[in-house]
């Protein structure tokens, strides 16, 4: 089987008079441009998100909301501690040992599904709240690693998929999270395969060639933003 092509030209975004594609179904249809920013773990989403913020665009971060949901004393944290006990409790605080929790959920799909069932509704609620505070802005970006997996496409008017090569992804992940090759592969496999996400996305932002290339692509995409009024 031939490998999937990531040479997408983003025509769906750059030419809105084109017919609707499969990837545009069940999307936000309001006047505000809502960019869904997703991609594999350690693919460069945060770098693209930081660049969007430098352009004056508000970036709403699903990982931040999930992190807040697992702060000490929250209902989600209490549920996690009740389910897993002291093996996920931090020795330094009343909170969670997130590394220990990650080892559990990334090695057991059923446990990962359970944790996501606790967090995804809360993350969706936070997005709804934050979008209300940015209702007057022309463009908002929603950085959601599990955008497709969580079924959050309806929050976005378009989806940008951040991509790098599998080798770069593994190396970045091992370095950033101090993981073994096996642990890194385990986390990568916990997400949908890239070819499946590519079919659902409107555009692929390739970060493997360095920032100059993908920043130019992002600037071009942003140049198509119409006035809100």
C-alpha atoms as a PDB file:
ATOM      1  CA  UNK A   1       0.000   0.000   0.000  1.00  0.00           C
ATOM      2  CA  UNK A   2       1.328   3.405  -0.924  1.00  0.00           C
ATOM      3  CA  UNK A   3       2.122   5.766   1.906  1.00  0.00           C
ATOM      4  CA  UNK A   4      -0.308   8.675   2.359  1.00  0.00           C
ATOM      5  CA  UNK A   5       0.590  11.990   0.771  1.00  0.00           C
ATOM      6  CA  UNK A   6       0.883  15.041   2.981  1.00  0.00           C
ATOM      7  CA  UNK A   7       1.327  17.469   0.089  1.00  0.00           C
ATOM      8  CA  UNK A   8      -2.080  19.065   0.690  1.00  0.00           C
ATOM      9  CA  UNK A   9      -2.449  22.532  -0.843  1.00  0.00           C
ATOM     10  CA  UNK A  10      -5.210  23.743   1.489  1.00  0.00           C
ATOM     11  CA  UNK A  11      -7.501  24.778  -1.372  1.00  0.00           C
ATOM     12  CA  UNK A  12     -10.549  24.272   0.819  1.00  0.00           C
ATOM     13  CA  UNK A  13      -9.388  27.126   3.050  1.00  0.00           C
ATOM     14  CA  UNK A  14      -7.818  29.398   0.462  1.00  0.00           C
ATOM     15  CA  UNK A  15     -10.753  29.238  -1.965  1.00  0.00           C
ATOM     16  CA  UNK A  16     -14.028  29.173  -0.090  1.00  0.00           C
ATOM     17  CA  UNK A  17     -16.102  29.182  -3.285  1.00  0.00           C
ATOM     18  CA  UNK A  18     -15.016  25.569  -3.843  1.00  0.00           C
ATOM     19  CA  UNK A  19     -17.637  22.845  -3.191  1.00  0.00           C
ATOM     20  CA  UNK A  20     -17.758  21.543   0.372  1.00  0.00           C
ATOM     21  CA  UNK A  21     -15.372  18.672   1.007  1.00  0.00           C
ATOM     22  CA  UNK A  22     -15.948  15.712   3.306  1.00  0.00           C
ATOM     23  CA  UNK A  23     -13.660  17.374   5.836  1.00  0.00           C
ATOM     24  CA  UNK A  24     -15.952  20.410   6.121  1.00  0.00           C
ATOM     25  CA  UNK A  25     -19.025  18.540   7.324  1.00  0.00           C
ATOM     26  CA  UNK A  26     -20.313  19.165  10.828  1.00  0.00           C
ATOM     27  CA  UNK A  27     -18.259  22.333  11.250  1.00  0.00           C
ATOM     28  CA  UNK A  28     -18.866  25.709  12.857  1.00  0.00           C
ATOM     29  CA  UNK A  29     -20.698  27.886  10.332  1.00  0.00           C
ATOM     30  CA  UNK A  30     -20.748  31.232  12.139  1.00  0.00           C
ATOM     31  CA  UNK A  31     -18.976  34.365  10.916  1.00  0.00           C
ATOM     32  CA  UNK A  32     -16.039  33.987  13.288  1.00  0.00           C
ATOM     33  CA  UNK A  33     -13.121  32.036  11.846  1.00  0.00           C
ATOM     34  CA  UNK A  34     -12.330  29.188  14.240  1.00  0.00           C
ATOM     35  CA  UNK A  35      -9.147  27.304  13.439  1.00  0.00           C
ATOM     36  CA  UNK A  36      -8.912  23.834  14.921  1.00  0.00           C
ATOM     37  CA  UNK A  37      -5.218  23.079  15.456  1.00  0.00           C
ATOM     38  CA  UNK A  38      -4.496  19.387  15.879  1.00  0.00           C
ATOM     39  CA  UNK A  39      -1.873  16.773  15.069  1.00  0.00           C
ATOM     40  CA  UNK A  40       0.090  13.904  16.506  1.00  0.00           C
ATOM     41  CA  UNK A  41       1.840  14.127  19.839  1.00  0.00           C
ATOM     42  CA  UNK A  42       5.141  16.067  19.588  1.00  0.00           C
ATOM     43  CA  UNK A  43       4.372  17.165  16.024  1.00  0.00           C
ATOM     44  CA  UNK A  44       4.884  20.882  16.667  1.00  0.00           C
ATOM     45  CA  UNK A  45       1.372  22.059  17.596  1.00  0.00           C
ATOM     46  CA  UNK A  46       2.626  24.262  20.425  1.00  0.00           C
ATOM     47  CA  UNK A  47       5.107  25.991  18.116  1.00  0.00           C
ATOM     48  CA  UNK A  48       2.353  26.752  15.616  1.00  0.00           C
ATOM     49  CA  UNK A  49       0.075  27.863  18.449  1.00  0.00           C
ATOM     50  CA  UNK A  50       2.762  30.196  19.807  1.00  0.00           C
ATOM     51  CA  UNK A  51       3.188  31.704  16.349  1.00  0.00           C
ATOM     52  CA  UNK A  52      -0.552  32.294  16.047  1.00  0.00           C
ATOM     53  CA  UNK A  53      -0.477  34.095  19.387  1.00  0.00           C
ATOM     54  CA  UNK A  54       2.351  36.272  18.075  1.00  0.00           C
ATOM     55  CA  UNK A  55       0.005  37.248  15.239  1.00  0.00           C
ATOM     56  CA  UNK A  56      -2.507  38.465  17.811  1.00  0.00           C
ATOM     57  CA  UNK A  57      -4.785  35.430  17.685  1.00  0.00           C
ATOM     58  CA  UNK A  58      -6.250  33.973  20.866  1.00  0.00           C
ATOM     59  CA  UNK A  59      -5.276  30.309  21.238  1.00  0.00           C
ATOM     60  CA  UNK A  60      -7.540  28.166  23.420  1.00  0.00           C
ATOM     61  CA  UNK A  61      -5.637  25.138  24.708  1.00  0.00           C
ATOM     62  CA  UNK A  62      -7.327  21.785  25.405  1.00  0.00           C
ATOM     63  CA  UNK A  63      -4.259  20.468  27.226  1.00  0.00           C
ATOM     64  CA  UNK A  64      -4.387  23.422  29.611  1.00  0.00           C
ATOM     65  CA  UNK A  65      -8.053  22.775  30.364  1.00  0.00           C
ATOM     66  CA  UNK A  66      -7.407  19.066  30.942  1.00  0.00           C
ATOM     67  CA  UNK A  67      -4.478  19.952  33.203  1.00  0.00           C
ATOM     68  CA  UNK A  68      -6.705  22.285  35.217  1.00  0.00           C
ATOM     69  CA  UNK A  69      -9.351  19.564  35.500  1.00  0.00           C
ATOM     70  CA  UNK A  70      -6.756  17.340  37.200  1.00  0.00           C
ATOM     71  CA  UNK A  71      -5.582  19.957  39.681  1.00  0.00           C
ATOM     72  CA  UNK A  72      -5.538  18.971  43.378  1.00  0.00           C
ATOM     73  CA  UNK A  73      -8.993  18.737  44.902  1.00  0.00           C
ATOM     74  CA  UNK A  74     -11.044  18.750  41.706  1.00  0.00           C
ATOM     75  CA  UNK A  75     -13.807  16.170  41.132  1.00  0.00           C
ATOM     76  CA  UNK A  76     -11.779  14.583  38.326  1.00  0.00           C
ATOM     77  CA  UNK A  77      -8.713  14.241  40.534  1.00  0.00           C
ATOM     78  CA  UNK A  78     -10.780  12.669  43.287  1.00  0.00           C
ATOM     79  CA  UNK A  79     -12.228  10.212  40.760  1.00  0.00           C
ATOM     80  CA  UNK A  80      -8.732   9.298  39.541  1.00  0.00           C
ATOM     81  CA  UNK A  81      -7.447   8.771  43.081  1.00  0.00           C
ATOM     82  CA  UNK A  82     -10.476   6.666  43.925  1.00  0.00           C
ATOM     83  CA  UNK A  83      -9.888   4.491  40.877  1.00  0.00           C
ATOM     84  CA  UNK A  84      -6.099   4.041  41.083  1.00  0.00           C
ATOM     85  CA  UNK A  85      -5.213   4.834  44.674  1.00  0.00           C
ATOM     86  CA  UNK A  86      -1.803   5.759  46.033  1.00  0.00           C
ATOM     87  CA  UNK A  87       0.065   4.598  42.938  1.00  0.00           C
ATOM     88  CA  UNK A  88      -0.985   7.803  41.153  1.00  0.00           C
ATOM     89  CA  UNK A  89      -0.811  10.135  44.158  1.00  0.00           C
ATOM     90  CA  UNK A  90       2.000  12.670  44.230  1.00  0.00           C
ATOM     91  CA  UNK A  91       4.461  12.334  47.090  1.00  0.00           C
ATOM     92  CA  UNK A  92       4.914  16.102  47.157  1.00  0.00           C
ATOM     93  CA  UNK A  93       1.309  17.298  47.214  1.00  0.00           C
ATOM     94  CA  UNK A  94      -2.314  16.239  47.374  1.00  0.00           C
ATOM     95  CA  UNK A  95      -2.363  16.117  43.600  1.00  0.00           C
ATOM     96  CA  UNK A  96      -1.543  13.479  41.036  1.00  0.00           C
ATOM     97  CA  UNK A  97       1.675  11.897  39.893  1.00  0.00           C
ATOM     98  CA  UNK A  98       0.965  12.603  36.243  1.00  0.00           C
ATOM     99  CA  UNK A  99       3.804  10.410  35.003  1.00  0.00           C
ATOM    100  CA  UNK A 100       2.384   7.439  36.898  1.00  0.00           C
ATOM    101  CA  UNK A 101      -1.093   8.172  35.572  1.00  0.00           C
ATOM    102  CA  UNK A 102       0.280   8.418  32.051  1.00  0.00           C
ATOM    103  CA  UNK A 103       1.975   5.036  32.366  1.00  0.00           C
ATOM    104  CA  UNK A 104      -1.365   3.484  33.272  1.00  0.00           C
ATOM    105  CA  UNK A 105      -3.560   5.047  30.628  1.00  0.00           C
ATOM    106  CA  UNK A 106      -1.105   4.721  27.756  1.00  0.00           C
ATOM    107  CA  UNK A 107      -0.607   1.021  28.451  1.00  0.00           C
ATOM    108  CA  UNK A 108      -4.310   0.159  28.760  1.00  0.00           C
ATOM    109  CA  UNK A 109      -6.845   1.422  26.179  1.00  0.00           C
ATOM    110  CA  UNK A 110      -9.753   0.808  28.544  1.00  0.00           C
ATOM    111  CA  UNK A 111      -8.204   2.980  31.238  1.00  0.00           C
ATOM    112  CA  UNK A 112      -7.403   5.673  28.696  1.00  0.00           C
ATOM    113  CA  UNK A 113     -11.028   5.627  27.531  1.00  0.00           C
ATOM    114  CA  UNK A 114     -12.195   5.954  31.131  1.00  0.00           C
ATOM    115  CA  UNK A 115      -9.944   8.951  31.792  1.00  0.00           C
ATOM    116  CA  UNK A 116     -11.017  10.630  28.566  1.00  0.00           C
ATOM    117  CA  UNK A 117     -14.661  10.135  29.556  1.00  0.00           C
ATOM    118  CA  UNK A 118     -13.899  12.138  32.696  1.00  0.00           C
ATOM    119  CA  UNK A 119     -12.006  14.931  30.949  1.00  0.00           C
ATOM    120  CA  UNK A 120     -13.523  15.464  27.510  1.00  0.00           C
ATOM    121  CA  UNK A 121     -16.883  16.856  28.713  1.00  0.00           C
ATOM    122  CA  UNK A 122     -15.050  19.301  30.981  1.00  0.00           C
ATOM    123  CA  UNK A 123     -12.737  20.382  28.178  1.00  0.00           C
ATOM    124  CA  UNK A 124     -15.724  20.913  25.870  1.00  0.00           C
ATOM    125  CA  UNK A 125     -17.412  23.002  28.564  1.00  0.00           C
ATOM    126  CA  UNK A 126     -14.323  25.178  28.953  1.00  0.00           C
ATOM    127  CA  UNK A 127     -14.139  25.740  25.207  1.00  0.00           C
ATOM    128  CA  UNK A 128     -17.771  26.862  25.161  1.00  0.00           C
ATOM    129  CA  UNK A 129     -17.049  29.294  27.993  1.00  0.00           C
ATOM    130  CA  UNK A 130     -13.846  30.676  26.491  1.00  0.00           C
ATOM    131  CA  UNK A 131     -15.365  31.086  23.040  1.00  0.00           C
ATOM    132  CA  UNK A 132     -18.016  33.310  24.580  1.00  0.00           C
ATOM    133  CA  UNK A 133     -15.308  35.608  25.932  1.00  0.00           C
ATOM    134  CA  UNK A 134     -13.762  35.909  22.441  1.00  0.00           C
ATOM    135  CA  UNK A 135     -16.998  36.277  20.499  1.00  0.00           C
ATOM    136  CA  UNK A 136     -15.996  39.664  19.060  1.00  0.00           C
ATOM    137  CA  UNK A 137     -12.706  38.495  17.527  1.00  0.00           C
ATOM    138  CA  UNK A 138     -12.332  37.682  13.845  1.00  0.00           C
ATOM    139  CA  UNK A 139     -10.144  34.628  14.415  1.00  0.00           C
ATOM    140  CA  UNK A 140      -9.744  32.199  17.291  1.00  0.00           C
ATOM    141  CA  UNK A 141      -7.569  29.071  17.336  1.00  0.00           C
ATOM    142  CA  UNK A 142      -8.522  25.949  19.272  1.00  0.00           C
ATOM    143  CA  UNK A 143      -5.508  23.743  19.991  1.00  0.00           C
ATOM    144  CA  UNK A 144      -6.923  20.246  20.491  1.00  0.00           C
ATOM    145  CA  UNK A 145      -4.570  17.236  20.190  1.00  0.00           C
ATOM    146  CA  UNK A 146      -7.494  14.770  20.184  1.00  0.00           C
ATOM    147  CA  UNK A 147      -9.822  16.931  18.102  1.00  0.00           C
ATOM    148  CA  UNK A 148     -11.047  14.113  15.859  1.00  0.00           C
ATOM    149  CA  UNK A 149     -10.888  11.431  18.541  1.00  0.00           C
ATOM    150  CA  UNK A 150     -13.045  13.576  20.858  1.00  0.00           C
ATOM    151  CA  UNK A 151     -15.462  14.595  18.102  1.00  0.00           C
ATOM    152  CA  UNK A 152     -14.866  18.331  18.524  1.00  0.00           C
ATOM    153  CA  UNK A 153     -14.864  19.273  14.832  1.00  0.00           C
ATOM    154  CA  UNK A 154     -18.180  21.086  15.291  1.00  0.00           C
ATOM    155  CA  UNK A 155     -16.375  23.789  17.290  1.00  0.00           C
ATOM    156  CA  UNK A 156     -14.177  24.674  14.304  1.00  0.00           C
ATOM    157  CA  UNK A 157     -14.759  26.240  10.914  1.00  0.00           C
ATOM    158  CA  UNK A 158     -11.607  24.558   9.596  1.00  0.00           C
ATOM    159  CA  UNK A 159      -8.979  22.118  10.835  1.00  0.00           C
ATOM    160  CA  UNK A 160      -5.218  22.462  10.424  1.00  0.00           C
ATOM    161  CA  UNK A 161      -3.250  19.277  10.973  1.00  0.00           C
ATOM    162  CA  UNK A 162       0.324  19.773  12.208  1.00  0.00           C
ATOM    163  CA  UNK A 163       2.646  17.056  10.924  1.00  0.00           C
ATOM    164  CA  UNK A 164       6.278  15.993  11.018  1.00  0.00           C
ATOM    165  CA  UNK A 165       7.986  12.758  10.018  1.00  0.00           C
ATOM    166  CA  UNK A 166       7.558   9.712  12.291  1.00  0.00           C
ATOM    167  CA  UNK A 167      11.289   9.769  13.044  1.00  0.00           C
ATOM    168  CA  UNK A 168      11.179  13.419  14.103  1.00  0.00           C
ATOM    169  CA  UNK A 169       8.051  12.790  16.139  1.00  0.00           C
ATOM    170  CA  UNK A 170       9.582   9.910  18.094  1.00  0.00           C
ATOM    171  CA  UNK A 171      12.813  11.785  18.737  1.00  0.00           C
ATOM    172  CA  UNK A 172      11.011  14.928  19.891  1.00  0.00           C
ATOM    173  CA  UNK A 173       8.770  12.897  22.177  1.00  0.00           C
ATOM    174  CA  UNK A 174      11.614  10.907  23.728  1.00  0.00           C
ATOM    175  CA  UNK A 175      13.617  14.076  24.355  1.00  0.00           C
ATOM    176  CA  UNK A 176      10.749  16.192  25.658  1.00  0.00           C
ATOM    177  CA  UNK A 177       9.137  13.560  27.892  1.00  0.00           C
ATOM    178  CA  UNK A 178      12.256  11.523  28.687  1.00  0.00           C
ATOM    179  CA  UNK A 179      10.710   8.356  27.299  1.00  0.00           C
ATOM    180  CA  UNK A 180      12.192   5.145  25.987  1.00  0.00           C
ATOM    181  CA  UNK A 181      11.555   4.297  22.308  1.00  0.00           C
ATOM    182  CA  UNK A 182       8.925   1.787  23.414  1.00  0.00           C
ATOM    183  CA  UNK A 183       7.153   4.316  25.631  1.00  0.00           C
ATOM    184  CA  UNK A 184       7.196   6.914  22.871  1.00  0.00           C
ATOM    185  CA  UNK A 185       5.729   4.468  20.374  1.00  0.00           C
ATOM    186  CA  UNK A 186       3.028   3.544  22.886  1.00  0.00           C
ATOM    187  CA  UNK A 187       1.903   7.158  23.144  1.00  0.00           C
ATOM    188  CA  UNK A 188       1.971   7.677  19.385  1.00  0.00           C
ATOM    189  CA  UNK A 189      -0.177   4.600  18.822  1.00  0.00           C
ATOM    190  CA  UNK A 190      -2.718   5.856  21.370  1.00  0.00           C
ATOM    191  CA  UNK A 191      -3.813   8.467  18.807  1.00  0.00           C
ATOM    192  CA  UNK A 192      -5.450   7.997  15.440  1.00  0.00           C
ATOM    193  CA  UNK A 193      -3.021   7.280  12.577  1.00  0.00           C
ATOM    194  CA  UNK A 194      -1.891  10.303  10.608  1.00  0.00           C
ATOM    195  CA  UNK A 195      -3.412   9.163   7.321  1.00  0.00           C
ATOM    196  CA  UNK A 196      -6.856   9.009   8.903  1.00  0.00           C
ATOM    197  CA  UNK A 197      -6.502  12.514  10.338  1.00  0.00           C
ATOM    198  CA  UNK A 198      -5.215  13.810   7.005  1.00  0.00           C
ATOM    199  CA  UNK A 199      -8.402  12.697   5.274  1.00  0.00           C
ATOM    200  CA  UNK A 200     -10.468  14.701   7.766  1.00  0.00           C
ATOM    201  CA  UNK A 201      -8.327  17.848   7.924  1.00  0.00           C
ATOM    202  CA  UNK A 202      -8.549  20.859   5.633  1.00  0.00           C
ATOM    203  CA  UNK A 203      -4.841  21.560   5.624  1.00  0.00           C
ATOM    204  CA  UNK A 204      -1.540  20.004   6.686  1.00  0.00           C
ATOM    205  CA  UNK A 205       1.113  22.214   8.293  1.00  0.00           C
ATOM    206  CA  UNK A 206       4.451  20.415   7.941  1.00  0.00           C
ATOM    207  CA  UNK A 207       6.905  21.377  10.678  1.00  0.00           C
ATOM    208  CA  UNK A 208       9.728  19.017   9.755  1.00  0.00           C
ATOM    209  CA  UNK A 209      11.497  21.473   7.472  1.00  0.00           C
ATOM    210  CA  UNK A 210      11.963  24.193  10.052  1.00  0.00           C
ATOM    211  CA  UNK A 211       9.934  27.240  11.066  1.00  0.00           C
ATOM    212  CA  UNK A 212      10.562  29.411   8.004  1.00  0.00           C
ATOM    213  CA  UNK A 213       8.544  27.114   5.733  1.00  0.00           C
ATOM    214  CA  UNK A 214       5.548  26.485   7.957  1.00  0.00           C
ATOM    215  CA  UNK A 215       5.366  30.094   9.157  1.00  0.00           C
ATOM    216  CA  UNK A 216       5.079  31.204   5.545  1.00  0.00           C
ATOM    217  CA  UNK A 217       2.242  28.741   5.037  1.00  0.00           C
ATOM    218  CA  UNK A 218       0.452  29.945   8.167  1.00  0.00           C
ATOM    219  CA  UNK A 219       0.770  33.586   7.104  1.00  0.00           C
ATOM    220  CA  UNK A 220      -0.755  32.740   3.734  1.00  0.00           C
ATOM    221  CA  UNK A 221      -3.656  30.936   5.364  1.00  0.00           C
ATOM    222  CA  UNK A 222      -4.304  33.820   7.757  1.00  0.00           C
ATOM    223  CA  UNK A 223      -4.292  36.321   4.898  1.00  0.00           C
ATOM    224  CA  UNK A 224      -7.635  34.911   3.728  1.00  0.00           C
ATOM    225  CA  UNK A 225      -9.484  35.968   6.905  1.00  0.00           C
ATOM    226  CA  UNK A 226     -12.505  38.146   6.023  1.00  0.00           C
ATOM    227  CA  UNK A 227     -13.823  40.976   8.225  1.00  0.00           C
ATOM    228  CA  UNK A 228     -16.144  39.849  11.028  1.00  0.00           C
ATOM    229  CA  UNK A 229     -18.758  42.521  10.226  1.00  0.00           C
END
